[in-house]
């Protein structure tokens, strides 16, 4: 079954608290109950892949000021039918940043979120079941702002920009700051190459 690798990754995910466990259950139920979960045309919602992208030193995270949503968010986007959500997240991170030298630090899931996407143009309101991975730049950290973004910024731990992000981005920030990363990185899953 094309959904089995994601189901196994969800089963291996280490939630940090009860809310995180509830999010895992919600995403897993959606995946197991909907064969079309990777298709962006599936009206109720679909799986998306995202990157918590660290700079080469691991001291800053690249955030995008998303054009359609007008929010500062992590990089990411639609799986577009690809059941390899990590691959989709890597593709989106590279496309949205213009940085080619991005690797997945681990194929273990870093964070999960389900959020509403408002209607836009001909697209009705729907849900994104966002699967997020820890990634890092392994070379030049200069980025290029794509058409999907108003701006991009490397944001350090004490940057005032953190006051302007939503709760799910704060949650990932807290995981990053409070050492949760090590729980997400299994030695056998290290470093998927570009």
Protein backbone atom coordinates (compact mmCIF):
# COMPACT_ATOMS: atom_id res chain seq x y z
CA UNK A 1 0.00 0.00 0.00
CA UNK A 2 1.39 3.40 -0.99
CA UNK A 3 0.42 4.88 2.42
CA UNK A 4 2.28 2.27 4.49
CA UNK A 5 5.65 4.09 4.74
CA UNK A 6 3.94 7.21 6.09
CA UNK A 7 1.84 5.14 8.51
CA UNK A 8 5.04 3.49 9.79
CA UNK A 9 6.71 6.88 10.18
CA UNK A 10 3.69 8.15 12.11
CA UNK A 11 3.83 5.07 14.35
CA UNK A 12 7.53 5.76 15.03
CA UNK A 13 6.94 9.46 15.79
CA UNK A 14 7.85 10.59 19.33
CA UNK A 15 5.14 13.00 20.54
CA UNK A 16 6.29 15.41 23.23
CA UNK A 17 2.93 15.67 25.02
CA UNK A 18 -0.75 14.75 24.87
CA UNK A 19 -1.59 17.41 22.29
CA UNK A 20 1.20 16.15 20.06
CA UNK A 21 -0.10 12.59 20.45
CA UNK A 22 -3.62 13.75 19.54
CA UNK A 23 -2.22 15.40 16.40
CA UNK A 24 -0.45 12.17 15.44
CA UNK A 25 -3.70 10.23 15.90
CA UNK A 26 -5.60 12.74 13.76
CA UNK A 27 -3.06 12.61 10.90
CA UNK A 28 -2.80 8.81 11.08
CA UNK A 29 -6.59 8.43 10.97
CA UNK A 30 -6.76 10.67 7.92
CA UNK A 31 -4.03 8.72 6.10
CA UNK A 32 -5.44 5.28 6.90
CA UNK A 33 -8.97 6.35 6.00
CA UNK A 34 -8.27 8.08 2.67
CA UNK A 35 -6.39 6.48 -0.22
CA UNK A 36 -6.42 9.91 -1.93
CA UNK A 37 -4.63 11.61 0.98
CA UNK A 38 -1.62 12.69 -1.14
CA UNK A 39 -3.74 14.25 -3.91
CA UNK A 40 -4.19 18.03 -3.61
CA UNK A 41 -7.53 17.71 -5.48
CA UNK A 42 -8.98 15.63 -2.61
CA UNK A 43 -11.53 18.16 -1.37
CA UNK A 44 -11.53 17.52 2.41
CA UNK A 45 -7.76 17.96 2.63
CA UNK A 46 -4.42 16.41 1.81
CA UNK A 47 -0.96 15.59 3.10
CA UNK A 48 1.65 18.32 2.82
CA UNK A 49 5.38 18.14 3.54
CA UNK A 50 7.33 20.83 5.35
CA UNK A 51 10.89 21.64 6.37
CA UNK A 52 12.22 23.04 9.63
CA UNK A 53 15.30 24.25 7.78
CA UNK A 54 18.43 25.05 9.79
CA UNK A 55 21.37 27.00 8.46
CA UNK A 56 24.77 25.31 8.11
CA UNK A 57 25.64 26.14 11.75
CA UNK A 58 22.27 25.06 13.15
CA UNK A 59 21.77 28.49 14.73
CA UNK A 60 18.99 29.91 12.54
CA UNK A 61 15.81 28.66 10.85
CA UNK A 62 14.64 29.82 7.43
CA UNK A 63 11.07 31.11 7.53
CA UNK A 64 8.92 32.35 4.67
CA UNK A 65 6.47 35.23 4.76
CA UNK A 66 3.86 33.26 2.82
CA UNK A 67 2.18 35.30 0.09
CA UNK A 68 -1.31 33.69 0.12
CA UNK A 69 -1.59 33.26 3.90
CA UNK A 70 0.28 36.47 4.87
CA UNK A 71 2.02 34.66 7.76
CA UNK A 72 5.58 33.75 8.67
CA UNK A 73 5.80 29.95 8.32
CA UNK A 74 8.20 27.09 7.70
CA UNK A 75 8.90 26.12 4.09
CA UNK A 76 6.70 23.41 2.59
CA UNK A 77 3.86 22.49 0.31
CA UNK A 78 1.79 19.86 -1.42
CA UNK A 79 2.88 16.26 -1.89
CA UNK A 80 1.27 16.38 -5.36
CA UNK A 81 0.52 12.67 -5.31
CA UNK A 82 3.96 11.66 -4.03
CA UNK A 83 3.63 9.25 -1.07
CA UNK A 84 7.25 9.98 -0.10
CA UNK A 85 6.44 13.01 2.03
CA UNK A 86 10.08 13.63 2.98
CA UNK A 87 10.93 13.82 -0.71
CA UNK A 88 8.07 16.29 -1.22
CA UNK A 89 9.28 18.40 1.72
CA UNK A 90 12.85 18.46 0.34
CA UNK A 91 11.55 19.49 -3.09
CA UNK A 92 9.44 22.28 -1.61
CA UNK A 93 12.28 23.56 0.60
CA UNK A 94 14.63 23.75 -2.39
CA UNK A 95 12.03 25.38 -4.66
CA UNK A 96 10.88 27.94 -2.10
CA UNK A 97 14.39 28.91 -0.95
CA UNK A 98 16.42 28.56 -4.13
CA UNK A 99 19.00 26.64 -2.05
CA UNK A 100 20.07 23.38 -3.68
CA UNK A 101 22.32 22.05 -0.91
CA UNK A 102 19.61 21.00 1.56
CA UNK A 103 19.63 17.61 3.25
CA UNK A 104 17.22 15.88 5.57
CA UNK A 105 18.94 15.54 8.92
CA UNK A 106 16.66 12.56 9.54
CA UNK A 107 13.77 10.78 7.90
CA UNK A 108 12.01 10.73 11.28
CA UNK A 109 9.07 13.11 11.59
CA UNK A 110 9.93 16.30 13.51
CA UNK A 111 6.41 17.70 13.94
CA UNK A 112 2.82 17.28 12.79
CA UNK A 113 0.03 19.79 12.35
CA UNK A 114 -3.47 19.98 10.91
CA UNK A 115 -4.62 23.44 9.90
CA UNK A 116 -7.31 25.08 7.83
CA UNK A 117 -6.50 26.69 4.50
CA UNK A 118 -9.01 29.37 3.46
CA UNK A 119 -10.66 29.38 0.04
CA UNK A 120 -8.46 31.01 -2.60
CA UNK A 121 -9.49 31.58 -6.21
CA UNK A 122 -11.22 28.41 -7.43
CA UNK A 123 -9.88 26.33 -4.55
CA UNK A 124 -12.33 25.74 -1.69
CA UNK A 125 -11.35 25.86 1.96
CA UNK A 126 -9.71 22.60 3.06
CA UNK A 127 -7.30 21.08 5.58
CA UNK A 128 -3.58 20.53 5.33
CA UNK A 129 -2.25 17.51 7.20
CA UNK A 130 1.31 18.78 7.50
CA UNK A 131 4.20 16.35 8.07
CA UNK A 132 7.34 18.24 9.05
CA UNK A 133 10.98 17.17 8.86
CA UNK A 134 14.24 18.54 10.23
CA UNK A 135 16.54 19.72 7.43
CA UNK A 136 19.79 21.62 7.12
CA UNK A 137 21.75 23.57 4.53
CA UNK A 138 25.18 22.02 3.93
CA UNK A 139 26.78 24.88 2.02
CA UNK A 140 25.93 28.38 0.93
CA UNK A 141 22.92 29.71 2.87
CA UNK A 142 22.02 32.50 0.46
CA UNK A 143 18.38 32.19 -0.56
CA UNK A 144 16.18 33.44 -3.40
CA UNK A 145 12.62 34.59 -2.70
CA UNK A 146 10.14 32.66 -4.87
CA UNK A 147 6.77 33.84 -6.16
CA UNK A 148 5.10 32.00 -3.26
CA UNK A 149 6.72 34.28 -0.69
CA UNK A 150 6.71 37.95 0.18
CA UNK A 151 10.06 37.47 1.89
CA UNK A 152 12.37 34.90 3.49
CA UNK A 153 14.47 35.35 6.62
CA UNK A 154 17.05 33.42 8.62
CA UNK A 155 15.72 33.72 12.18
CA UNK A 156 17.81 33.09 15.29
CA UNK A 157 16.48 31.87 18.62
CA UNK A 158 16.09 35.32 20.21
CA UNK A 159 14.78 37.14 17.14
CA UNK A 160 11.67 39.34 17.69
CA UNK A 161 10.09 37.76 14.60
CA UNK A 162 9.09 34.77 16.78
CA UNK A 163 6.40 37.01 18.32
CA UNK A 164 4.68 37.14 14.89
CA UNK A 165 4.29 33.43 14.17
CA UNK A 166 1.37 31.10 14.82
CA UNK A 167 1.16 28.42 17.52
CA UNK A 168 2.43 25.54 15.37
CA UNK A 169 5.58 27.46 14.40
CA UNK A 170 6.09 28.34 18.08
CA UNK A 171 5.81 24.63 18.91
CA UNK A 172 8.59 23.77 16.44
CA UNK A 173 10.67 26.65 17.80
CA UNK A 174 10.24 25.23 21.31
CA UNK A 175 11.28 21.77 20.12
CA UNK A 176 14.38 23.29 18.52
CA UNK A 177 15.30 25.41 21.55
CA UNK A 178 14.57 22.77 24.19
CA UNK A 179 16.55 19.87 22.77
CA UNK A 180 13.66 17.88 21.31
CA UNK A 181 15.61 17.45 18.06
CA UNK A 182 17.69 14.62 19.47
CA UNK A 183 14.56 12.58 20.18
CA UNK A 184 13.54 12.95 16.53
CA UNK A 185 16.83 11.85 15.03
CA UNK A 186 17.37 8.10 14.87
CA UNK A 187 20.97 7.18 13.91
CA UNK A 188 19.79 4.85 11.14
CA UNK A 189 17.79 7.66 9.54
CA UNK A 190 20.50 10.30 9.31
CA UNK A 191 21.22 12.47 6.29
CA UNK A 192 19.25 11.85 3.16
CA UNK A 193 21.43 13.37 0.46
CA UNK A 194 20.33 16.05 -2.05
